């Protein structure tokens, strides 16, 4: 059985990493999962899970399916399913999520709106230099 359609590569789950000491300023769009142990100043859109490790820092906007925060996050966050603030997490900002779990010891300052089922699937905006075929809705 051929699972590939014409002109399309199969979607493979990927794990992307921003390592300790690395600093990125700008916008990131990822189809797989993303782990941040460095610093991101900007926007990240992820169709999978975002993990912010204990040394990770984000200042900006986050949109993803699931997230685990152990580091420092100052952001506007939209998580369609589950956001977990781990014991070492330091969060400041606004959250919109389906489910929220906060472990004892986590620091949380901001607002949270839980909208189960009302968050839309993450879709990347088309770019002029994007040569990949766009999915039809």
Protein backbone atom coordinates (compact mmCIF):
# COMPACT_ATOMS: atom_id res chain seq x y z
CA UNK A 1 0.00 0.00 0.00
CA UNK A 2 1.42 3.38 -1.00
CA UNK A 3 0.77 6.07 1.60
CA UNK A 4 2.41 8.83 -0.43
CA UNK A 5 0.29 10.94 -2.72
CA UNK A 6 1.75 12.45 -5.86
CA UNK A 7 3.99 15.49 -5.34
CA UNK A 8 4.08 14.96 -1.56
CA UNK A 9 6.62 13.58 0.80
CA UNK A 10 5.31 11.62 3.79
CA UNK A 11 5.14 13.65 6.98
CA UNK A 12 7.71 12.29 9.40
CA UNK A 13 7.55 13.27 13.06
CA UNK A 14 10.60 15.38 13.90
CA UNK A 15 12.16 16.67 17.08
CA UNK A 16 13.95 19.99 16.79
CA UNK A 17 16.26 21.41 19.45
CA UNK A 18 17.48 24.90 20.34
CA UNK A 19 20.45 24.00 22.53
CA UNK A 20 21.81 25.64 25.67
CA UNK A 21 23.57 28.94 24.94
CA UNK A 22 21.87 29.38 21.54
CA UNK A 23 19.86 32.58 20.99
CA UNK A 24 17.27 32.98 18.24
CA UNK A 25 15.47 36.24 17.44
CA UNK A 26 12.56 35.97 15.02
CA UNK A 27 9.86 33.54 13.97
CA UNK A 28 9.97 29.73 14.03
CA UNK A 29 7.46 27.40 12.35
CA UNK A 30 7.77 23.68 13.05
CA UNK A 31 5.68 20.70 12.00
CA UNK A 32 7.15 18.33 14.62
CA UNK A 33 8.09 18.77 18.26
CA UNK A 34 10.48 21.45 19.51
CA UNK A 35 12.69 21.54 22.61
CA UNK A 36 14.16 24.83 23.81
CA UNK A 37 17.13 24.83 26.17
CA UNK A 38 18.48 28.14 24.82
CA UNK A 39 16.76 31.52 24.33
CA UNK A 40 14.01 32.47 21.87
CA UNK A 41 12.96 36.10 21.47
CA UNK A 42 10.05 36.03 19.05
CA UNK A 43 7.27 33.77 17.85
CA UNK A 44 7.02 30.00 17.57
CA UNK A 45 4.23 28.05 15.88
CA UNK A 46 4.48 24.29 16.39
CA UNK A 47 2.08 21.60 15.23
CA UNK A 48 3.47 19.26 17.89
CA UNK A 49 4.75 19.70 21.43
CA UNK A 50 6.99 22.47 22.74
CA UNK A 51 9.25 21.64 25.67
CA UNK A 52 11.05 24.47 27.42
CA UNK A 53 13.84 22.89 29.47
CA UNK A 54 15.08 24.25 32.82
CA UNK A 55 17.66 26.46 31.04
CA UNK A 56 15.23 27.51 28.30
CA UNK A 57 13.84 31.04 27.96
CA UNK A 58 11.11 32.38 25.70
CA UNK A 59 10.01 35.99 25.34
CA UNK A 60 7.26 36.40 22.74
CA UNK A 61 4.35 34.33 21.44
CA UNK A 62 3.77 30.58 21.43
CA UNK A 63 1.20 28.52 19.56
CA UNK A 64 1.25 24.71 19.72
CA UNK A 65 -0.69 21.51 20.35
CA UNK A 66 0.90 20.59 23.72
CA UNK A 67 3.56 22.18 25.92
CA UNK A 68 5.73 21.47 28.96
CA UNK A 69 7.46 24.47 30.53
CA UNK A 70 10.33 23.96 32.99
CA UNK A 71 12.22 27.19 32.25
CA UNK A 72 11.38 30.89 32.02
CA UNK A 73 8.53 31.94 29.70
CA UNK A 74 7.21 35.48 29.19
CA UNK A 75 4.66 35.09 26.45
CA UNK A 76 1.19 35.00 25.04
CA UNK A 77 0.53 31.27 24.80
CA UNK A 78 -2.10 29.31 22.86
CA UNK A 79 -2.05 25.55 23.46
CA UNK A 80 -4.83 23.55 21.82
CA UNK A 81 -4.59 20.58 24.22
CA UNK A 82 -2.47 20.42 27.42
CA UNK A 83 -0.05 22.95 28.92
CA UNK A 84 2.00 21.73 31.90
CA UNK A 85 3.96 24.12 34.10
CA UNK A 86 6.62 21.96 35.74
CA UNK A 87 8.01 22.53 39.24
CA UNK A 88 10.87 24.77 38.01
CA UNK A 89 8.74 26.80 35.55
CA UNK A 90 8.58 30.60 35.78
CA UNK A 91 5.69 31.83 33.64
CA UNK A 92 4.45 35.36 33.05
CA UNK A 93 1.81 36.20 30.44
CA UNK A 94 -1.53 35.14 29.04
CA UNK A 95 -2.57 31.53 28.42
CA UNK A 96 -5.36 30.14 26.29
CA UNK A 97 -5.49 26.34 26.53
CA UNK A 98 -7.73 23.30 26.59
CA UNK A 99 -6.18 21.94 29.82
CA UNK A 100 -3.69 23.37 32.31
CA UNK A 101 -1.57 21.47 34.86
CA UNK A 102 0.56 23.38 37.37
CA UNK A 103 2.99 21.42 39.51
CA UNK A 104 3.75 22.57 43.08
CA UNK A 105 6.65 25.02 43.00
CA UNK A 106 5.88 26.48 39.57
CA UNK A 107 5.59 30.28 39.40
CA UNK A 108 2.61 31.65 37.44
CA UNK A 109 1.71 35.28 36.91
CA UNK A 110 -0.90 36.25 34.33
CA UNK A 111 -4.26 35.12 33.01
CA UNK A 112 -5.59 31.77 31.84
CA UNK A 113 -8.60 31.05 29.66
CA UNK A 114 -9.55 27.41 29.22
CA UNK A 115 -11.38 26.87 25.96
CA UNK A 116 -11.67 23.13 25.40
CA UNK A 117 -12.31 22.39 21.73
CA UNK A 118 -12.49 26.05 20.68
CA UNK A 119 -8.85 26.41 19.62
CA UNK A 120 -8.27 25.85 15.94
CA UNK A 121 -5.66 23.59 14.40
CA UNK A 122 -2.36 25.36 13.83
CA UNK A 123 -1.93 26.39 10.21
CA UNK A 124 1.17 28.05 8.92
CA UNK A 125 0.61 31.12 6.73
CA UNK A 126 1.84 30.65 3.15
CA UNK A 127 5.11 32.35 2.36
CA UNK A 128 6.20 33.65 -1.03
CA UNK A 129 9.37 31.51 -1.02
CA UNK A 130 7.69 28.33 0.23
CA UNK A 131 7.90 25.72 -2.51
CA UNK A 132 6.01 23.03 -0.58
CA UNK A 133 2.49 22.18 -1.77
CA UNK A 134 -0.17 23.70 0.47
CA UNK A 135 -2.80 21.48 2.10
CA UNK A 136 -6.37 22.00 1.06
CA UNK A 137 -8.90 22.59 3.82
